[in-house]
Every structure is written in C-alpha cells, then in structure tokens.
Protein backbone atom coordinates (compact mmCIF):
# COMPACT_ATOMS: atom_id res chain seq x y z
CA MET A 1 -2.49 154.52 -31.33
CA THR A 2 -1.82 151.05 -30.23
CA LEU A 3 -5.57 149.17 -29.51
CA ASP A 4 -5.65 146.78 -26.46
CA ARG A 5 -7.28 143.92 -28.30
CA ALA A 6 -7.58 141.95 -25.28
CA ALA A 7 -9.75 144.55 -23.65
CA ILE A 8 -11.79 145.13 -26.78
CA ALA A 9 -12.61 141.53 -27.41
CA THR A 10 -13.76 141.29 -23.86
CA GLU A 11 -16.40 144.03 -24.24
CA MET A 12 -17.54 142.53 -27.73
CA ARG A 13 -18.31 139.23 -26.10
CA THR A 14 -20.10 141.12 -23.15
CA LEU A 15 -21.65 143.10 -25.74
CA ILE A 16 -22.86 139.70 -27.55
CA ALA A 17 -23.88 138.40 -24.40
CA ASP A 18 -25.98 141.23 -23.35
CA LEU A 19 -27.77 141.16 -27.49
CA ARG A 20 -28.56 137.70 -27.03
CA THR A 21 -29.89 137.41 -23.42
CA HIS A 22 -32.56 140.70 -24.64
CA LEU A 23 -33.33 138.50 -27.75
CA ASP A 24 -34.01 135.50 -25.74
CA ALA A 25 -36.30 137.37 -23.91
CA ALA A 26 -37.95 138.84 -26.38
CA ARG A 27 -38.75 135.94 -27.93
CA SER A 28 -40.49 134.82 -24.81
CA VAL A 29 -42.86 137.46 -24.78
CA GLY A 30 -42.76 137.71 -28.71
CA VAL A 31 -42.53 141.25 -28.55
CA LEU A 32 -39.78 143.92 -28.11
CA ALA A 33 -41.86 146.18 -25.98
CA GLU A 34 -43.55 145.88 -22.88
CA ARG A 35 -46.67 143.92 -22.88
CA LYS A 36 -49.89 145.75 -21.58
CA ASP A 37 -50.62 142.68 -19.12
CA ALA A 38 -47.43 142.70 -18.06
CA PRO A 39 -46.81 143.52 -14.03
CA ARG A 40 -46.03 147.06 -13.32
CA PRO A 41 -43.66 148.06 -10.33
CA GLU A 42 -47.27 148.40 -8.69
CA ALA A 43 -47.26 144.57 -8.35
CA ILE A 44 -43.96 144.23 -6.30
CA ALA A 45 -46.34 143.65 -3.46
CA PRO A 46 -45.88 141.79 -0.09
CA SER A 47 -47.85 138.31 -0.34
CA PRO A 48 -50.28 137.41 2.80
CA THR A 49 -48.03 134.25 3.45
CA LEU A 50 -44.45 133.68 2.38
CA PRO A 51 -43.23 130.41 1.04
CA ALA A 52 -40.69 127.90 2.37
CA MET A 53 -37.15 128.78 2.33
CA ALA A 54 -36.13 125.65 0.21
CA ALA A 55 -38.77 126.37 -2.06
CA ALA A 56 -37.21 126.88 -5.99
CA SER A 57 -37.29 129.74 -7.61
CA PRO A 58 -38.33 130.64 -11.27
CA THR A 59 -35.47 130.25 -13.98
CA ALA A 60 -35.22 131.93 -17.12
CA SER A 61 -33.14 131.73 -20.08
CA GLY A 62 -29.74 133.67 -20.00
CA ALA A 63 -26.23 134.41 -21.81
CA PRO A 64 -23.80 131.35 -22.82
CA GLU A 65 -21.63 130.52 -19.77
CA ASP A 66 -18.51 131.58 -21.52
CA ALA A 67 -19.72 134.58 -22.25
CA LEU A 68 -18.36 136.78 -19.18
CA PRO A 69 -14.20 136.58 -18.18
CA PRO A 70 -13.41 134.69 -14.94
CA PRO A 71 -14.16 136.91 -11.91
CA ALA A 72 -11.34 137.80 -9.57
CA ARG A 73 -13.08 135.70 -6.87
CA VAL A 74 -15.21 133.05 -7.26
CA PRO A 75 -16.56 131.47 -4.17
CA THR A 76 -17.78 127.73 -4.02
CA PRO A 77 -21.32 127.69 -3.24
CA ILE A 78 -22.42 124.71 -0.51
CA ALA A 79 -25.99 124.70 0.83
CA SER A 80 -24.40 123.13 3.98
CA ALA A 81 -21.97 125.51 4.38
CA TRP A 82 -24.17 128.67 3.65
CA THR A 83 -26.31 127.37 6.52
CA SER A 84 -23.55 127.75 9.18
CA VAL A 85 -22.38 131.25 7.57
CA ALA A 86 -26.06 132.44 7.74
CA GLU A 87 -26.26 131.42 12.11
CA ALA A 88 -22.77 133.08 12.05
CA ALA A 89 -24.47 136.28 10.80
CA ARG A 90 -27.22 135.63 12.81
CA THR A 91 -25.36 135.56 16.21
CA GLY A 92 -23.14 138.51 15.18
CA ALA A 93 -20.38 136.33 14.99
CA VAL A 94 -17.60 137.93 12.29
CA PRO A 95 -15.49 135.70 11.13
CA ASN A 96 -11.50 136.16 11.55
CA HIS A 97 -10.41 136.42 8.39
CA VAL A 98 -12.91 139.24 7.89
CA ALA A 99 -12.18 141.18 11.16
CA ALA A 100 -8.19 140.76 10.46
CA GLY A 101 -8.60 142.12 6.74
CA SER A 102 -10.65 145.40 8.03
CA ALA A 103 -8.15 148.34 7.91
CA ASP A 104 -11.53 150.83 8.20
CA ALA A 105 -13.18 151.46 11.28
CA PRO A 106 -17.05 149.87 11.26
CA GLY A 107 -19.58 152.33 10.52
CA ALA A 108 -20.03 155.71 9.50
CA ALA A 109 -16.37 156.57 10.45
CA GLY A 110 -14.88 153.59 7.91
CA LEU A 111 -17.07 154.87 5.16
CA ALA A 112 -15.90 158.71 5.79
CA ALA A 113 -12.51 157.20 5.29
CA ILE A 114 -13.46 155.38 1.82
CA ALA A 115 -15.63 158.48 0.41
CA ALA A 116 -12.25 160.43 1.23
CA ASP A 117 -9.94 158.06 -0.17
CA LEU A 118 -12.55 158.07 -3.34
CA ASP A 119 -13.03 161.74 -3.54
CA GLY A 120 -11.61 162.63 -6.98
CA CYS A 121 -10.52 159.41 -7.56
CA THR A 122 -8.33 159.14 -10.81
CA ARG A 123 -7.48 155.12 -10.58
CA CYS A 124 -8.53 154.68 -13.92
CA SER A 125 -10.04 155.92 -17.05
CA LEU A 126 -13.62 156.40 -16.10
CA CYS A 127 -12.35 159.74 -14.44
CA ALA A 128 -12.16 161.30 -17.85
CA GLN A 129 -15.70 161.94 -18.66
CA ARG A 130 -17.69 161.32 -15.10
CA HIS A 131 -20.12 164.16 -12.95
CA SER A 132 -19.90 162.13 -9.79
CA VAL A 133 -18.04 159.68 -7.96
CA PHE A 134 -20.67 157.24 -6.34
CA VAL A 135 -19.75 156.39 -2.67
CA GLY A 136 -23.22 154.91 -1.23
CA SER A 137 -26.34 156.19 0.82
CA GLY A 138 -28.22 155.08 3.70
CA ASP A 139 -27.25 153.61 6.95
CA PRO A 140 -23.96 152.75 7.80
CA GLU A 141 -25.25 150.04 10.04
CA ALA A 142 -27.59 148.85 8.04
CA ASP A 143 -28.54 144.97 8.30
CA LEU A 144 -29.40 145.24 4.56
CA MET A 145 -26.72 146.32 1.90
CA VAL A 146 -27.85 146.80 -1.43
CA ILE A 147 -25.17 146.62 -4.47
CA GLY A 148 -26.09 147.90 -7.93
CA GLU A 149 -24.83 148.17 -11.52
CA PRO A 150 -22.38 151.00 -12.23
CA PRO A 151 -24.38 154.10 -12.51
CA ASP A 152 -26.12 155.25 -15.84
CA GLU A 153 -26.36 159.01 -17.23
CA HIS A 154 -29.30 159.78 -15.05
CA GLU A 155 -27.72 158.40 -11.95
CA ASP A 156 -24.10 160.34 -12.64
CA LEU A 157 -25.80 163.64 -13.31
CA HIS A 158 -28.10 163.13 -9.91
CA GLY A 159 -24.82 161.90 -8.30
CA ALA A 160 -26.36 159.22 -6.44
CA PRO A 161 -27.23 155.24 -6.90
CA PHE A 162 -30.45 153.92 -8.05
CA ALA A 163 -31.78 157.40 -8.66
CA GLY A 164 -34.81 158.10 -11.42
CA PRO A 165 -36.92 155.27 -12.53
CA SER A 166 -34.95 152.82 -11.38
CA GLY A 167 -34.65 154.12 -7.57
CA GLU A 168 -38.48 154.30 -7.50
CA MET A 169 -38.74 150.56 -8.57
CA LEU A 170 -36.26 149.74 -5.87
CA ASP A 171 -37.91 151.76 -3.11
CA ARG A 172 -41.14 149.64 -3.87
CA MET A 173 -39.10 146.50 -3.91
CA LEU A 174 -37.40 147.25 -0.27
CA ALA A 175 -41.15 148.79 1.25
CA ASN A 176 -43.50 146.47 -0.29
CA VAL A 177 -41.64 143.28 0.06
CA LEU A 178 -38.83 143.72 2.29
CA GLY A 179 -40.57 146.09 4.63
CA LEU A 180 -37.87 148.22 4.73
CA SER A 181 -37.11 151.89 4.07
CA ARG A 182 -34.24 153.52 1.69
CA PRO A 183 -32.91 155.11 4.97
CA LYS A 184 -32.55 151.85 6.59
CA VAL A 185 -30.60 150.18 4.16
CA TYR A 186 -27.23 150.98 2.88
CA VAL A 187 -26.59 151.26 -1.03
CA THR A 188 -24.05 151.67 -3.31
CA THR A 189 -22.58 150.38 -6.77
CA VAL A 190 -20.38 148.06 -7.87
CA VAL A 191 -18.31 150.09 -9.98
CA LYS A 192 -17.85 153.94 -8.71
CA CYS A 193 -18.48 156.01 -11.61
CA ARG A 194 -20.54 156.16 -14.63
CA PRO A 195 -18.48 154.48 -18.00
CA PRO A 196 -18.83 156.38 -21.36
CA GLY A 197 -22.18 155.67 -23.13
CA SER A 198 -23.20 153.26 -20.37
CA ARG A 199 -21.03 151.02 -21.66
CA ASP A 200 -19.84 148.00 -19.64
CA PRO A 201 -16.95 148.79 -17.59
CA LEU A 202 -13.42 147.50 -18.83
CA PRO A 203 -11.58 144.86 -16.58
CA ALA A 204 -9.04 147.50 -15.39
CA ASN A 205 -12.56 149.73 -14.07
CA PHE A 206 -13.68 146.46 -11.70
CA ALA A 207 -10.02 145.82 -10.37
CA ALA A 208 -9.72 150.07 -9.49
CA CYS A 209 -13.29 149.83 -8.12
CA LEU A 210 -13.74 146.74 -6.31
CA PRO A 211 -11.20 147.07 -3.13
CA PHE A 212 -13.54 150.18 -2.47
CA LEU A 213 -16.83 148.18 -2.58
CA HIS A 214 -15.28 145.11 -0.29
CA ARG A 215 -13.72 147.97 2.41
CA GLN A 216 -17.49 149.60 2.17
CA ILE A 217 -19.05 145.99 3.15
CA ARG A 218 -16.30 145.24 5.66
CA ALA A 219 -17.53 148.67 7.29
CA VAL A 220 -21.18 148.42 7.33
CA GLN A 221 -21.11 144.36 8.16
CA PRO A 222 -24.61 143.84 7.51
CA LYS A 223 -26.25 140.55 7.83
CA LEU A 224 -27.38 139.95 4.57
CA LEU A 225 -26.45 141.39 0.71
CA LEU A 226 -28.56 142.20 -1.72
CA VAL A 227 -26.86 142.00 -5.39
CA MET A 228 -28.79 143.74 -8.29
CA GLY A 229 -27.73 143.00 -11.76
CA ARG A 230 -25.47 141.18 -14.24
CA ALA A 231 -22.42 142.81 -13.51
CA ALA A 232 -22.49 143.07 -9.42
CA SER A 233 -23.36 139.34 -9.09
CA HIS A 234 -20.76 138.24 -11.69
CA HIS A 235 -17.49 140.41 -10.31
CA LEU A 236 -18.79 140.04 -6.28
CA LEU A 237 -20.29 136.20 -6.09
CA GLY A 238 -18.73 134.57 -9.11
CA LEU A 239 -22.48 134.40 -11.17
CA ARG A 240 -21.57 133.20 -14.42
CA SER A 241 -25.40 133.86 -15.52
CA LEU A 242 -27.51 135.87 -13.61
CA ALA A 243 -30.51 134.29 -15.45
CA ARG A 244 -30.04 130.82 -14.33
CA GLU A 245 -28.27 131.28 -10.79
CA HIS A 246 -30.69 134.48 -9.45
CA GLY A 247 -32.26 133.85 -5.90
CA GLN A 248 -29.19 131.00 -4.80
CA GLU A 249 -27.65 131.12 -1.50
CA ARG A 250 -24.41 132.88 -2.00
CA SER A 251 -21.84 134.34 0.52
CA TRP A 252 -18.90 136.98 0.62
CA GLU A 253 -16.41 136.45 3.32
CA GLY A 254 -18.97 135.08 5.77
CA ILE A 255 -21.59 137.41 5.13
CA PRO A 256 -24.83 135.48 2.95
CA ALA A 257 -26.05 136.90 -0.01
CA ILE A 258 -28.75 136.66 -2.80
CA ALA A 259 -28.37 138.00 -6.10
CA THR A 260 -31.62 139.02 -8.24
CA PHE A 261 -32.02 141.68 -11.39
CA HIS A 262 -31.49 145.12 -11.15
CA PRO A 263 -34.55 147.50 -11.42
CA ALA A 264 -33.27 148.91 -14.90
CA HIS A 265 -33.48 145.43 -16.22
CA LEU A 266 -36.93 144.90 -14.62
CA ILE A 267 -38.13 148.43 -16.59
CA LYS A 268 -36.72 146.90 -19.83
CA MET A 269 -37.87 143.24 -19.25
CA PRO A 270 -41.28 143.29 -17.17
CA ASP A 271 -41.89 139.66 -17.31
CA ASP A 272 -38.75 139.33 -14.81
CA LYS A 273 -40.34 141.01 -12.33
CA ARG A 274 -42.44 137.87 -11.47
CA VAL A 275 -38.93 136.21 -10.93
CA ALA A 276 -37.38 139.05 -9.16
CA PHE A 277 -40.69 139.46 -6.67
CA GLU A 278 -39.55 135.34 -5.37
CA ASP A 279 -36.10 136.58 -5.07
CA LEU A 280 -36.90 139.34 -3.00
CA ARG A 281 -39.24 137.09 -0.96
CA LYS A 282 -36.54 134.78 -0.45
CA ALA A 283 -34.46 137.90 0.63
CA ARG A 284 -36.78 138.85 3.37
CA GLN A 285 -37.26 135.24 4.72
CA HIS A 286 -33.57 135.48 5.25
CA TYR A 287 -33.07 138.62 6.26
CA ASP A 288 -35.69 137.84 9.08
CA ALA A 289 -34.03 134.98 10.18
CA LEU A 290 -31.06 136.81 10.64
CA GLY A 291 -32.63 138.87 13.05
CA GLY A 292 -32.41 142.03 10.51
CA ARG A 293 -34.11 145.16 11.73
CA ARG A 294 -36.74 147.52 10.55
C-alpha cells in the first residue's frame, strides 16, 4: 500500500494546530470543561444599541500562522475596497466577473441544477462512508448566506446542515442578533459530505467540493456572507487564523463577507460566545446597511 505522505503530513499539522488552539483556550479559563458562569446560548441576545461599525472586536489567541496549507484563493483585504464592494452589493450591482462566471441560473433554478449535479456524487473518497450529500436549505434568493463547516456525524444522519445542538444555537444567533429566522437565509457547508470520524477533510475533498459552493453563492447572490468556522473561513476567504481574523471585513467575488466561530466550537469553548456575539452584531450592522430583507 502506497502512503500519501504529503496528505498525512497536512492532516497531522492540522490536528496539531487544533490541539494547540484548544489548549490555549483551556489555559485561558483554567479548565477543560464549560464553566458554570460561562454564557449560555440564551446569552446570545440583541443589545438595545449597536456599536459603531468601526469598533474593534475582541480577539483571542489562535493556532500558529503556518498551521494551515495555503488556500486555493486568497483575497487581499483592503478596507477602502471593502466599502466599494459593500456599496455595489447594496445597490444590487453585480461585478462583471461574477456574472460572466455564473453558468447556473439564479435562485431556485440554479440551486436545483447544482443539487442534481451533487446527487450521488463520487468525486472524492468521502462518498465511501457518508449517509448524505449536503446541498443546502433555506431561501434560494436570501440576502444572507450562512456557510458552515463540514458536516459532523449528527448532521450526516439527519441529512441537513446545522442540525442538533449546533442548529439550535444557530437559530438563536439568527433570531436574537440578526433578527432573521432560518427560512429567511440560505444555509450550506464548505464540504458536502462528512469525513470519516469527523476528521478534517483532505485537500482533495476541498478541491472536489469548493466548485459547488462557489456555484451556490453565485446562484443565491446574497448581499452578505456569514462564514462560520475555521475550515470554511480559510478555504473560502483565505483566513490564516480565525481566532485573530474573525469579524474582519472580507469579500468573495464582490460579495461582502464576515467570518466568525461555528456554533459547534462555541458549545465546546463557551467563552468565545462573547466574541461571536460582537461579530454577529457587526454582521447585522452591515446587513442592514446593505439593505438586507427581514
């Protein structure tokens, strides 16, 4: 049997980075379990007033900068450029390169075509042990698109992204901070099948799935992307460290984007709920400024 040493080395680096991140978080609170006084999901609630859009969000220690392989596409974040991107999204102007690169029809028709292409997908090794192929759910013309991490075992068995406890927390985030219900947004995942043992997907898995995610974004044409989790923010937006770069103003093909922690992470690391809350408040400000519907 021939071992793919490069793939094994990449996976080991990722596992080591994850372990360091969890240990750093554990040291910061002094325990490995949730503290009794830590904020619960119910604490993610709206505030009477929103902070200024330029306010700095809290930061936390994260994994080493070289812990992740280079993403396939790394955008250059420039604050002034993001302003023009946001204005184009607010007025409904779609950049030429987005329109030219969109082979699918917009909205439900385009998403149906993507779902048909994903049906019974065997483009990578994840097809061997999965139960479900994840496409997405929600409003096909949503102004907010939520992109999450690869599905875990619970989600794989239910055949839907953000199921179980993670889904319950996402619903609270959307309702209590963004003022949106799940049916009003479009939700999908960065990888469409569950990796065995819920391990991190291999580069070949991302290479197989990312084109479908890109097609989904172009079909929905949201005003704002909310990217949740380390893998999703790295491979879609080029973030090297979510712990350091969460809440920053990014974009993908002319669509404004903000990254924050995944609900599954917040369940394990409850102190980060405060950080995620600030990211979501910033996302709401941008969503409202872009003319997002409720």
